Amino acid sequence: MKRITVLLADDNRVVRREFRKILELEDDLEVVGEATDGYEAVAMVKKLRPALVLMDVAMPVLNGLLATLQILEAAPATKVLMLSAHSDDEYIQIATDYGAVGYLIKHTSADSVCHAIREVQKGNTFFSPSIPSRLHKRNGKKHKEGAVRRQKEKGLKTG
């Protein structure tokens, strides 16, 4: 059985450790690395070429939103699944505009995270049920300029 390789990108060591434990219980999932900021996530994707990045939004040096954009430019085959405490519509919209294939709220169950990883690996999108479906129906490529503007307006750390 081919395993789905996953890079964990979160600045919180405890969060990374817990998600590693969860994912390593699954026979078809393999954590290949952990990044503590967006810049490190981009560098690790270039080196490791994981199938998927489980990405936090709020990270130092380079936030997860801009890291997503850079990752998908450098490694288009890698999928990015956001996992964040931020459930604000603007964050979700920016993430999808930048090419994230899903967005999970951090209080999502372990089973849902594993299911989401498998679904996006199949080519599907996956969003926490609390996220309005209208947010992920738009084509991200057409909306990058608006996403950058919204990021600046919200004062998100851009690197």
C-alpha atoms as a PDB file:
ATOM      1  CA  MET A   1       0.000   0.000   0.000  1.00  0.00           C
ATOM      2  CA  LYS A   2       1.324   3.423  -0.968  1.00  0.00           C
ATOM      3  CA  ARG A   3       1.392   5.794   1.978  1.00  0.00           C
ATOM      4  CA  ILE A   4       0.302   9.425   1.837  1.00  0.00           C
ATOM      5  CA  THR A   5       3.274  11.537   2.856  1.00  0.00           C
ATOM      6  CA  VAL A   6       2.427  14.507   5.074  1.00  0.00           C
ATOM      7  CA  LEU A   7       4.396  17.549   6.205  1.00  0.00           C
ATOM      8  CA  LEU A   8       3.096  19.177   9.400  1.00  0.00           C
ATOM      9  CA  ALA A   9       3.468  22.975   9.452  1.00  0.00           C
ATOM     10  CA  ASP A  10       2.559  24.629  12.746  1.00  0.00           C
ATOM     11  CA  ASP A  11       4.546  26.872  15.059  1.00  0.00           C
ATOM     12  CA  ASN A  12       3.160  25.112  18.138  1.00  0.00           C
ATOM     13  CA  ARG A  13       5.307  22.105  19.077  1.00  0.00           C
ATOM     14  CA  VAL A  14       2.521  20.487  21.095  1.00  0.00           C
ATOM     15  CA  VAL A  15       0.101  20.696  18.155  1.00  0.00           C
ATOM     16  CA  ARG A  16       2.670  19.166  15.797  1.00  0.00           C
ATOM     17  CA  ARG A  17       3.434  16.382  18.266  1.00  0.00           C
ATOM     18  CA  GLU A  18      -0.246  15.529  18.758  1.00  0.00           C
ATOM     19  CA  PHE A  19      -0.998  15.473  15.038  1.00  0.00           C
ATOM     20  CA  ARG A  20       2.067  13.340  14.414  1.00  0.00           C
ATOM     21  CA  LYS A  21       0.756  10.824  16.984  1.00  0.00           C
ATOM     22  CA  ILE A  22      -2.675  10.810  15.350  1.00  0.00           C
ATOM     23  CA  LEU A  23      -1.372  10.367  11.820  1.00  0.00           C
ATOM     24  CA  GLU A  24       1.198   7.735  12.720  1.00  0.00           C
ATOM     25  CA  LEU A  25      -1.590   5.472  14.008  1.00  0.00           C
ATOM     26  CA  GLU A  26      -2.841   5.197  10.422  1.00  0.00           C
ATOM     27  CA  ASP A  27      -1.268   2.593   8.125  1.00  0.00           C
ATOM     28  CA  ASP A  28      -1.664   4.735   5.007  1.00  0.00           C
ATOM     29  CA  LEU A  29      -0.337   8.048   6.405  1.00  0.00           C
ATOM     30  CA  GLU A  30       3.314   8.960   6.970  1.00  0.00           C
ATOM     31  CA  VAL A  31       4.625  12.172   8.536  1.00  0.00           C
ATOM     32  CA  VAL A  32       7.826  13.016   6.664  1.00  0.00           C
ATOM     33  CA  GLY A  33       8.658  16.269   8.425  1.00  0.00           C
ATOM     34  CA  GLU A  34       7.637  19.145  10.667  1.00  0.00           C
ATOM     35  CA  ALA A  35       7.989  22.848   9.937  1.00  0.00           C
ATOM     36  CA  THR A  36       7.792  25.570  12.579  1.00  0.00           C
ATOM     37  CA  ASP A  37       7.083  28.479  10.216  1.00  0.00           C
ATOM     38  CA  GLY A  38       5.978  29.131   6.658  1.00  0.00           C
ATOM     39  CA  TYR A  39       9.473  29.712   5.321  1.00  0.00           C
ATOM     40  CA  GLU A  40      10.626  26.362   6.699  1.00  0.00           C
ATOM     41  CA  ALA A  41       7.521  24.677   5.247  1.00  0.00           C
ATOM     42  CA  VAL A  42       8.322  25.974   1.761  1.00  0.00           C
ATOM     43  CA  ALA A  43      11.943  24.802   2.012  1.00  0.00           C
ATOM     44  CA  MET A  44      10.929  21.373   3.312  1.00  0.00           C
ATOM     45  CA  VAL A  45       8.355  20.885   0.548  1.00  0.00           C
ATOM     46  CA  LYS A  46      11.015  21.650  -2.061  1.00  0.00           C
ATOM     47  CA  LYS A  47      13.280  19.043  -0.477  1.00  0.00           C
ATOM     48  CA  LEU A  48      10.853  16.318   0.642  1.00  0.00           C
ATOM     49  CA  ARG A  49       8.027  16.663  -1.936  1.00  0.00           C
ATOM     50  CA  PRO A  50       5.260  15.437   0.384  1.00  0.00           C
ATOM     51  CA  ALA A  51       1.874  14.592  -1.065  1.00  0.00           C
ATOM     52  CA  LEU A  52       0.207  16.951   1.406  1.00  0.00           C
ATOM     53  CA  VAL A  53       0.980  19.759   3.832  1.00  0.00           C
ATOM     54  CA  LEU A  54      -1.199  20.154   6.907  1.00  0.00           C
ATOM     55  CA  MET A  55      -0.737  23.914   7.298  1.00  0.00           C
ATOM     56  CA  ASP A  56      -1.512  26.352  10.106  1.00  0.00           C
ATOM     57  CA  VAL A  57      -2.504  29.902   9.110  1.00  0.00           C
ATOM     58  CA  ALA A  58      -0.808  31.956  11.826  1.00  0.00           C
ATOM     59  CA  MET A  59       2.922  31.253  11.889  1.00  0.00           C
ATOM     60  CA  PRO A  60       5.994  33.445  12.299  1.00  0.00           C
ATOM     61  CA  VAL A  61       8.439  34.470   9.562  1.00  0.00           C
ATOM     62  CA  LEU A  62       5.982  33.626   6.754  1.00  0.00           C
ATOM     63  CA  ASN A  63       2.323  32.944   7.467  1.00  0.00           C
ATOM     64  CA  GLY A  64       0.642  29.762   6.266  1.00  0.00           C
ATOM     65  CA  LEU A  65      -1.385  31.598   3.636  1.00  0.00           C
ATOM     66  CA  LEU A  66       1.619  32.991   1.781  1.00  0.00           C
ATOM     67  CA  ALA A  67       3.518  29.757   2.366  1.00  0.00           C
ATOM     68  CA  THR A  68       0.663  27.925   0.631  1.00  0.00           C
ATOM     69  CA  LEU A  69       0.978  30.153  -2.408  1.00  0.00           C
ATOM     70  CA  GLN A  70       4.754  29.610  -2.560  1.00  0.00           C
ATOM     71  CA  ILE A  71       4.452  25.852  -2.019  1.00  0.00           C
ATOM     72  CA  LEU A  72       1.988  25.427  -4.851  1.00  0.00           C
ATOM     73  CA  GLU A  73       4.166  27.490  -7.168  1.00  0.00           C
ATOM     74  CA  ALA A  74       7.235  25.369  -6.311  1.00  0.00           C
ATOM     75  CA  ALA A  75       5.521  21.965  -6.077  1.00  0.00           C
ATOM     76  CA  PRO A  76       2.134  21.984  -7.858  1.00  0.00           C
ATOM     77  CA  ALA A  77       1.528  18.289  -7.121  1.00  0.00           C
ATOM     78  CA  THR A  78       1.629  18.910  -3.357  1.00  0.00           C
ATOM     79  CA  LYS A  79      -1.767  19.566  -1.815  1.00  0.00           C
ATOM     80  CA  VAL A  80      -2.266  21.986   1.065  1.00  0.00           C
ATOM     81  CA  LEU A  81      -4.906  21.369   3.710  1.00  0.00           C
ATOM     82  CA  MET A  82      -5.269  24.241   6.159  1.00  0.00           C
ATOM     83  CA  LEU A  83      -5.748  23.423   9.826  1.00  0.00           C
ATOM     84  CA  SER A  84      -6.314  26.528  11.893  1.00  0.00           C
ATOM     85  CA  ALA A  85      -7.969  28.013  14.935  1.00  0.00           C
ATOM     86  CA  HIS A  86      -9.040  30.880  12.656  1.00  0.00           C
ATOM     87  CA  SER A  87     -12.505  30.246  11.243  1.00  0.00           C
ATOM     88  CA  ASP A  88     -12.941  33.796   9.966  1.00  0.00           C
ATOM     89  CA  ASP A  89     -14.392  33.890   6.435  1.00  0.00           C
ATOM     90  CA  GLU A  90     -11.547  36.095   5.220  1.00  0.00           C
ATOM     91  CA  TYR A  91      -8.868  33.577   6.214  1.00  0.00           C
ATOM     92  CA  ILE A  92     -10.788  30.760   4.577  1.00  0.00           C
ATOM     93  CA  GLN A  93     -11.341  32.773   1.404  1.00  0.00           C
ATOM     94  CA  ILE A  94      -7.677  33.747   1.161  1.00  0.00           C
ATOM     95  CA  ALA A  95      -6.602  30.139   1.736  1.00  0.00           C
ATOM     96  CA  THR A  96      -8.829  28.869  -1.070  1.00  0.00           C
ATOM     97  CA  ASP A  97      -7.837  31.766  -3.316  1.00  0.00           C
ATOM     98  CA  TYR A  98      -4.221  30.708  -2.823  1.00  0.00           C
ATOM     99  CA  GLY A  99      -4.974  27.093  -3.729  1.00  0.00           C
ATOM    100  CA  ALA A 100      -5.601  25.263  -0.457  1.00  0.00           C
ATOM    101  CA  VAL A 101      -7.826  22.269  -1.184  1.00  0.00           C
ATOM    102  CA  GLY A 102      -9.439  22.256   2.221  1.00  0.00           C
ATOM    103  CA  TYR A 103      -9.762  24.043   5.521  1.00  0.00           C
ATOM    104  CA  LEU A 104     -10.249  22.428   8.902  1.00  0.00           C
ATOM    105  CA  ILE A 105     -10.888  24.128  12.201  1.00  0.00           C
ATOM    106  CA  LYS A 106      -8.411  22.903  14.859  1.00  0.00           C
ATOM    107  CA  HIS A 107     -11.074  21.418  17.098  1.00  0.00           C
ATOM    108  CA  THR A 108     -11.833  18.920  14.298  1.00  0.00           C
ATOM    109  CA  SER A 109     -11.740  15.286  15.422  1.00  0.00           C
ATOM    110  CA  ALA A 110      -8.736  13.097  14.660  1.00  0.00           C
ATOM    111  CA  ASP A 111     -10.894  10.872  12.446  1.00  0.00           C
ATOM    112  CA  SER A 112     -12.015  13.893  10.424  1.00  0.00           C
ATOM    113  CA  VAL A 113      -8.436  15.057   9.884  1.00  0.00           C
ATOM    114  CA  CYS A 114      -7.404  11.624   8.600  1.00  0.00           C
ATOM    115  CA  HIS A 115     -10.518  11.430   6.424  1.00  0.00           C
ATOM    116  CA  ALA A 116      -9.820  14.925   5.043  1.00  0.00           C
ATOM    117  CA  ILE A 117      -6.251  13.968   4.114  1.00  0.00           C
ATOM    118  CA  ARG A 118      -7.487  10.915   2.241  1.00  0.00           C
ATOM    119  CA  GLU A 119     -10.201  12.889   0.460  1.00  0.00           C
ATOM    120  CA  VAL A 120      -7.886  15.637  -0.770  1.00  0.00           C
ATOM    121  CA  GLN A 121      -5.370  13.018  -1.873  1.00  0.00           C
ATOM    122  CA  LYS A 122      -8.134  11.567  -4.072  1.00  0.00           C
ATOM    123  CA  GLY A 123      -8.562  14.986  -5.683  1.00  0.00           C
ATOM    124  CA  ASN A 124     -11.527  16.178  -3.633  1.00  0.00           C
ATOM    125  CA  THR A 125     -11.855  19.237  -1.436  1.00  0.00           C
ATOM    126  CA  PHE A 126     -12.640  19.006   2.260  1.00  0.00           C
ATOM    127  CA  PHE A 127     -13.883  21.675   4.647  1.00  0.00           C
ATOM    128  CA  SER A 128     -15.055  21.575   8.240  1.00  0.00           C
ATOM    129  CA  PRO A 129     -18.865  21.401   8.256  1.00  0.00           C
ATOM    130  CA  SER A 130     -19.057  24.791   9.958  1.00  0.00           C
ATOM    131  CA  ILE A 131     -17.459  26.510   6.952  1.00  0.00           C
ATOM    132  CA  PRO A 132     -19.982  27.909   4.495  1.00  0.00           C
ATOM    133  CA  SER A 133     -19.789  26.090   1.172  1.00  0.00           C
ATOM    134  CA  ARG A 134     -19.946  29.349  -0.769  1.00  0.00           C
ATOM    135  CA  LEU A 135     -16.406  30.165   0.336  1.00  0.00           C
ATOM    136  CA  HIS A 136     -14.730  27.274  -1.444  1.00  0.00           C
ATOM    137  CA  LYS A 137     -16.619  27.291  -4.731  1.00  0.00           C
ATOM    138  CA  ARG A 138     -14.616  30.087  -6.356  1.00  0.00           C
ATOM    139  CA  ASN A 139     -11.609  29.628  -8.607  1.00  0.00           C
ATOM    140  CA  GLY A 140      -8.551  30.761  -6.627  1.00  0.00           C
ATOM    141  CA  LYS A 141      -6.433  31.819  -9.588  1.00  0.00           C
ATOM    142  CA  LYS A 142      -8.839  34.608 -10.492  1.00  0.00           C
ATOM    143  CA  HIS A 143      -8.800  36.052  -6.997  1.00  0.00           C
ATOM    144  CA  LYS A 144      -5.130  36.253  -5.932  1.00  0.00           C
ATOM    145  CA  GLU A 145      -4.936  40.027  -6.266  1.00  0.00           C
ATOM    146  CA  GLY A 146      -8.019  40.490  -4.086  1.00  0.00           C
ATOM    147  CA  ALA A 147      -6.622  38.011  -1.579  1.00  0.00           C
ATOM    148  CA  VAL A 148      -3.363  39.945  -1.286  1.00  0.00           C
ATOM    149  CA  ARG A 149      -5.320  43.172  -0.789  1.00  0.00           C
ATOM    150  CA  ARG A 150      -7.529  41.557   1.887  1.00  0.00           C
ATOM    151  CA  GLN A 151      -4.459  40.194   3.647  1.00  0.00           C
ATOM    152  CA  LYS A 152      -2.900  43.646   3.799  1.00  0.00           C
ATOM    153  CA  GLU A 153      -6.157  45.193   4.975  1.00  0.00           C
ATOM    154  CA  LYS A 154      -6.444  42.659   7.785  1.00  0.00           C
ATOM    155  CA  GLY A 155      -2.819  43.277   8.735  1.00  0.00           C
ATOM    156  CA  LEU A 156      -1.777  39.647   8.370  1.00  0.00           C
ATOM    157  CA  LYS A 157       1.928  39.020   8.792  1.00  0.00           C
ATOM    158  CA  THR A 158       3.311  38.467   5.305  1.00  0.00           C
ATOM    159  CA  GLY A 159       6.873  37.543   6.059  1.00  0.00           C
END
